[in-house]
C-alpha cells in the first residue's frame, strides 16, 4: 500500500523543521515553533515555543500530521490525538545512524523517500571519507565536548554527538559517564587535548576564557579550544551532522 500523503504538516521542533526544509517539503508545512527561523521568515504560523504548545491553534489549522520530539510534553500529544490528528514523535537519536534513519522515516511521511535515501547515501559517503582520513592518525587525541555552561555538560556515549568524537578516531574524556553533568575539576583531571564549547552567542567566548586560565591543561598549552555553534552541532539532521563533523575533523587534523 502507498503511504498516505500528508499535505498539512505542523512541526513542533526546530530540528524537525530543518529536516522538512532539507527534504524540500516545506510547501506542506503550515505551522512551526517560535525557534524555527527560516519557517517564520516564510510566514508559517507559530503554534509553539520550546515548551508550550497552542493546541487550539493547531486544531484550527486542520493539519493531517503533527511532528514532535521527546521534548514536547506528552499531554499536548494526547490532546492532539484526541482530535484524531496523527502525531509522530521522533525521540532524540542516539547515533549518526539514528539521525539518518529518522530522516528517511520523515521522507516517507512527506512523500520524499527517494530524495531522503539519496541525501543520506551522499552524506554517509562523505562521513566515511572523513573517518578514513581520521584513521590514519595514530595519536590518541582526548576530546571534551562541552554543551552549555551553567551547569557544565559533557557529550556522553549513546548520544549522536558522541559519534563526532568516535568518527574522528579520538577518545571522549567523558566516555565512562552515564550522565552528562560534571564539574570543572573532573574535566581538568581528565586533561583533554581538545575542548569544543558548543553554545550560542557570547557564552562560548566567556567559557573559552575560563578554560584558558588553567595553564596546565593540554588543550590550553596547545591552544586547542574551539567554539562551535549549538544550532549546528546539537541539531540531529544529516546535513548539520556532516557540517559539524567537517569542522571537528579540521580542528583535530590541523
Protein backbone atom coordinates (compact mmCIF):
# COMPACT_ATOMS: atom_id res chain seq x y z
CA UNK A 1 0.00 0.00 0.00
CA UNK A 2 1.16 3.51 -0.73
CA UNK A 3 1.98 5.78 2.19
CA UNK A 4 -0.62 8.42 2.81
CA UNK A 5 0.44 11.83 1.52
CA UNK A 6 0.32 14.45 4.20
CA UNK A 7 -0.28 17.91 2.87
CA UNK A 8 -0.81 19.94 6.05
CA UNK A 9 2.08 19.40 8.44
CA UNK A 10 2.85 21.02 11.80
CA UNK A 11 6.38 20.82 13.25
CA UNK A 12 6.91 21.17 16.99
CA UNK A 13 10.73 21.29 16.97
CA UNK A 14 13.41 23.30 15.11
CA UNK A 15 15.33 20.14 14.17
CA UNK A 16 12.24 18.62 12.55
CA UNK A 17 11.56 21.85 10.68
CA UNK A 18 15.15 21.84 9.40
CA UNK A 19 14.67 18.28 8.13
CA UNK A 20 11.46 19.33 6.36
CA UNK A 21 13.43 22.05 4.55
CA UNK A 22 16.31 19.67 3.73
CA UNK A 23 13.68 17.38 2.19
CA UNK A 24 12.23 20.29 0.19
CA UNK A 25 8.84 19.55 1.72
CA UNK A 26 8.24 22.99 3.22
CA UNK A 27 5.29 23.71 0.90
CA UNK A 28 3.27 21.34 3.10
CA UNK A 29 4.42 22.93 6.34
CA UNK A 30 1.63 25.03 7.82
CA UNK A 31 2.94 25.74 11.33
CA UNK A 32 6.10 25.63 13.43
CA UNK A 33 7.72 26.82 16.67
CA UNK A 34 8.96 30.30 17.52
CA UNK A 35 12.52 28.89 17.16
CA UNK A 36 12.08 27.79 13.52
CA UNK A 37 13.66 30.88 11.98
CA UNK A 38 13.52 30.01 8.29
CA UNK A 39 9.90 28.87 8.55
CA UNK A 40 8.94 32.07 10.35
CA UNK A 41 10.52 34.11 7.55
CA UNK A 42 8.35 32.09 5.18
CA UNK A 43 5.29 33.23 7.17
CA UNK A 44 4.42 29.84 8.64
CA UNK A 45 2.09 30.15 11.63
CA UNK A 46 3.81 29.92 15.03
CA UNK A 47 1.94 27.46 17.27
CA UNK A 48 4.55 26.57 19.90
CA UNK A 49 7.60 27.67 21.84
CA UNK A 50 10.14 25.12 23.03
CA UNK A 51 7.89 24.12 25.94
CA UNK A 52 4.31 25.23 25.33
CA UNK A 53 2.02 24.20 22.50
CA UNK A 54 -1.11 26.05 21.43
CA UNK A 55 -3.36 23.05 20.80
CA UNK A 56 -6.40 25.16 19.87
CA UNK A 57 -4.49 26.99 17.17
CA UNK A 58 -3.12 23.74 15.77
CA UNK A 59 -6.58 22.16 15.62
CA UNK A 60 -7.86 25.27 13.86
CA UNK A 61 -5.26 24.79 11.11
CA UNK A 62 -6.69 21.30 10.36
CA UNK A 63 -3.32 19.55 9.98
CA UNK A 64 -3.17 15.91 8.87
CA UNK A 65 0.21 15.33 10.51
CA UNK A 66 1.98 16.79 13.56
CA UNK A 67 5.69 16.06 14.04
CA UNK A 68 7.09 16.23 17.56
CA UNK A 69 10.19 15.26 19.53
CA UNK A 70 10.57 13.86 23.04
CA UNK A 71 10.85 17.48 24.27
CA UNK A 72 7.13 18.05 23.66
CA UNK A 73 5.06 17.43 26.77
CA UNK A 74 3.14 14.14 26.24
CA UNK A 75 -0.05 15.83 27.49
CA UNK A 76 -0.11 18.04 24.39
CA UNK A 77 0.38 15.00 22.20
CA UNK A 78 -2.53 13.19 23.86
CA UNK A 79 -4.74 16.26 23.41
CA UNK A 80 -3.91 16.47 19.71
CA UNK A 81 -4.58 12.75 19.23
CA UNK A 82 -8.00 13.17 20.86
CA UNK A 83 -8.82 15.40 17.87
CA UNK A 84 -7.88 12.48 15.58
CA UNK A 85 -4.73 14.21 14.39
CA UNK A 86 -1.83 11.89 13.59
CA UNK A 87 1.17 12.79 15.78
CA UNK A 88 4.56 11.23 15.02
CA UNK A 89 7.14 11.54 17.81
CA UNK A 90 10.82 11.42 16.91
CA UNK A 91 12.95 10.77 20.01
CA UNK A 92 16.44 12.30 20.06
CA UNK A 93 18.55 9.84 18.05
CA UNK A 94 21.48 8.34 19.96
CA UNK A 95 23.74 7.82 16.95
CA UNK A 96 24.50 9.19 13.49
CA UNK A 97 22.80 6.08 12.07
CA UNK A 98 19.70 7.05 14.04
CA UNK A 99 19.84 10.60 12.69
CA UNK A 100 19.85 9.15 9.16
CA UNK A 101 17.08 6.63 9.68
CA UNK A 102 14.81 9.31 11.17
CA UNK A 103 15.47 11.48 8.13
CA UNK A 104 14.40 8.64 5.83
CA UNK A 105 11.38 7.93 8.03
CA UNK A 106 10.35 11.57 7.73
CA UNK A 107 10.96 11.41 3.99
CA UNK A 108 8.46 8.55 3.80
CA UNK A 109 5.84 10.54 5.70
CA UNK A 110 6.31 13.58 3.46
CA UNK A 111 6.40 11.72 0.15
CA UNK A 112 10.13 12.41 -0.27
CA UNK A 113 11.54 8.96 0.43
CA UNK A 114 13.75 8.71 -2.66
CA UNK A 115 15.22 12.15 -2.01
CA UNK A 116 15.86 11.27 1.65
CA UNK A 117 17.57 7.97 0.79
CA UNK A 118 19.75 9.70 -1.81
CA UNK A 119 20.78 12.52 0.52
CA UNK A 120 21.63 10.05 3.29
CA UNK A 121 23.71 7.95 0.91
CA UNK A 122 25.70 11.02 -0.20
CA UNK A 123 26.26 12.22 3.36
CA UNK A 124 27.28 8.75 4.60
CA UNK A 125 29.83 8.57 1.80
CA UNK A 126 31.36 11.88 2.91
CA UNK A 127 31.38 10.76 6.55
CA UNK A 128 33.21 7.56 5.53
CA UNK A 129 35.86 9.68 3.80
CA UNK A 130 36.34 11.77 6.94
CA UNK A 131 36.59 8.59 9.02
CA UNK A 132 39.26 7.20 6.70
CA UNK A 133 41.22 10.41 6.98
CA UNK A 134 40.99 10.25 10.79
CA UNK A 135 42.01 6.58 10.87
CA UNK A 136 45.47 7.45 9.52
CA UNK A 137 46.24 9.36 12.72
CA UNK A 138 47.83 7.14 15.34
CA UNK A 139 47.90 9.81 18.03
CA UNK A 140 45.26 9.27 20.69
CA UNK A 141 43.50 12.60 20.99
CA UNK A 142 41.41 13.15 24.09
CA UNK A 143 38.37 15.31 23.40
CA UNK A 144 35.90 17.09 25.66
CA UNK A 145 32.75 18.45 24.02
CA UNK A 146 31.02 20.84 26.38
CA UNK A 147 27.33 21.67 25.99
CA UNK A 148 26.13 24.72 27.84
CA UNK A 149 27.98 26.47 30.64
CA UNK A 150 25.99 26.54 33.83
CA UNK A 151 25.96 23.67 34.72
CA UNK A 152 28.66 22.11 32.58
CA UNK A 153 27.51 19.21 30.45
CA UNK A 154 29.66 16.77 28.55
CA UNK A 155 28.68 14.88 25.43
CA UNK A 156 28.46 11.29 26.65
CA UNK A 157 28.26 7.90 24.90
CA UNK A 158 24.90 6.86 23.45
CA UNK A 159 24.27 10.38 22.17
CA UNK A 160 24.56 11.13 18.46
CA UNK A 161 27.10 13.84 19.30
CA UNK A 162 29.45 11.20 20.70
CA UNK A 163 29.81 9.96 17.10
CA UNK A 164 31.62 13.20 16.23
CA UNK A 165 34.40 12.01 18.54
CA UNK A 166 34.29 8.34 17.56
CA UNK A 167 34.32 9.10 13.83
CA UNK A 168 37.31 11.40 14.37
CA UNK A 169 39.22 8.43 15.81
CA UNK A 170 39.53 10.24 19.15
CA UNK A 171 38.66 9.44 22.76
CA UNK A 172 35.80 11.10 24.63
CA UNK A 173 37.10 12.11 28.09
CA UNK A 174 33.54 11.54 29.34
CA UNK A 175 33.28 8.04 27.90
CA UNK A 176 32.78 6.47 31.34
CA UNK A 177 29.99 8.83 32.41
CA UNK A 178 26.36 7.72 32.48
CA UNK A 179 25.15 11.30 32.89
CA UNK A 180 26.42 14.48 31.30
CA UNK A 181 26.76 16.84 34.26
CA UNK A 182 30.30 17.16 35.57
CA UNK A 183 32.49 19.65 37.41
CA UNK A 184 35.33 21.71 36.00
CA UNK A 185 37.66 19.76 38.32
CA UNK A 186 36.55 16.50 36.71
CA UNK A 187 37.37 17.87 33.26
CA UNK A 188 40.77 19.11 34.43
CA UNK A 189 41.53 15.70 35.96
CA UNK A 190 40.76 14.06 32.60
CA UNK A 191 43.03 16.60 30.87
CA UNK A 192 41.57 16.82 27.35
CA UNK A 193 43.80 17.68 24.38
CA UNK A 194 40.89 19.43 22.68
CA UNK A 195 37.94 21.30 24.11
CA UNK A 196 34.92 22.11 21.96
CA UNK A 197 32.49 24.55 23.55
CA UNK A 198 29.11 24.05 21.93
CA UNK A 199 26.99 27.09 22.60
CA UNK A 200 25.23 30.13 21.24
CA UNK A 201 26.24 33.74 21.40
CA UNK A 202 28.65 35.26 23.87
CA UNK A 203 28.77 32.32 26.32
CA UNK A 204 31.32 30.50 24.16
CA UNK A 205 33.88 33.30 24.39
CA UNK A 206 33.41 33.55 28.16
CA UNK A 207 33.86 29.79 28.59
CA UNK A 208 36.96 29.80 26.40
CA UNK A 209 38.49 32.47 28.67
CA UNK A 210 37.69 30.42 31.79
CA UNK A 211 39.39 27.31 30.36
CA UNK A 212 42.40 29.34 29.24
CA UNK A 213 43.08 30.25 32.86
CA UNK A 214 44.09 26.62 33.56
CA UNK A 215 47.56 26.67 32.01
CA UNK A 216 48.39 23.06 32.82
CA UNK A 217 45.58 21.74 30.61
CA UNK A 218 46.85 20.16 27.38
CA UNK A 219 44.12 21.92 25.40
CA UNK A 220 45.36 25.26 26.76
CA UNK A 221 49.07 24.52 26.24
CA UNK A 222 48.43 23.64 22.61
CA UNK A 223 45.84 26.32 22.01
CA UNK A 224 43.11 23.82 21.13
CA UNK A 225 39.90 25.32 22.48
CA UNK A 226 37.23 25.87 19.86
CA UNK A 227 33.69 27.22 19.83
CA UNK A 228 31.03 25.52 17.73
CA UNK A 229 27.52 26.85 17.18
CA UNK A 230 24.97 24.72 19.03
CA UNK A 231 22.48 25.30 16.24
CA UNK A 232 24.82 23.25 14.08
CA UNK A 233 26.25 20.63 16.44
CA UNK A 234 23.18 19.84 18.55
CA UNK A 235 20.72 19.54 15.68
CA UNK A 236 20.10 15.91 14.72
CA UNK A 237 19.83 16.28 10.94
CA UNK A 238 22.15 14.57 8.44
CA UNK A 239 23.40 17.80 6.78
CA UNK A 240 24.21 19.57 10.08
CA UNK A 241 25.90 16.41 11.37
CA UNK A 242 28.15 16.41 8.31
CA UNK A 243 28.92 20.14 8.63
CA UNK A 244 29.85 19.70 12.29
CA UNK A 245 31.91 16.58 11.54
CA UNK A 246 33.85 18.52 8.90
CA UNK A 247 34.60 21.31 11.39
CA UNK A 248 35.73 18.95 14.13
CA UNK A 249 37.88 16.93 11.72
CA UNK A 250 39.52 20.12 10.50
CA UNK A 251 40.33 21.26 14.04
CA UNK A 252 41.65 17.82 15.03
CA UNK A 253 43.84 17.42 11.96
CA UNK A 254 45.17 20.95 11.99
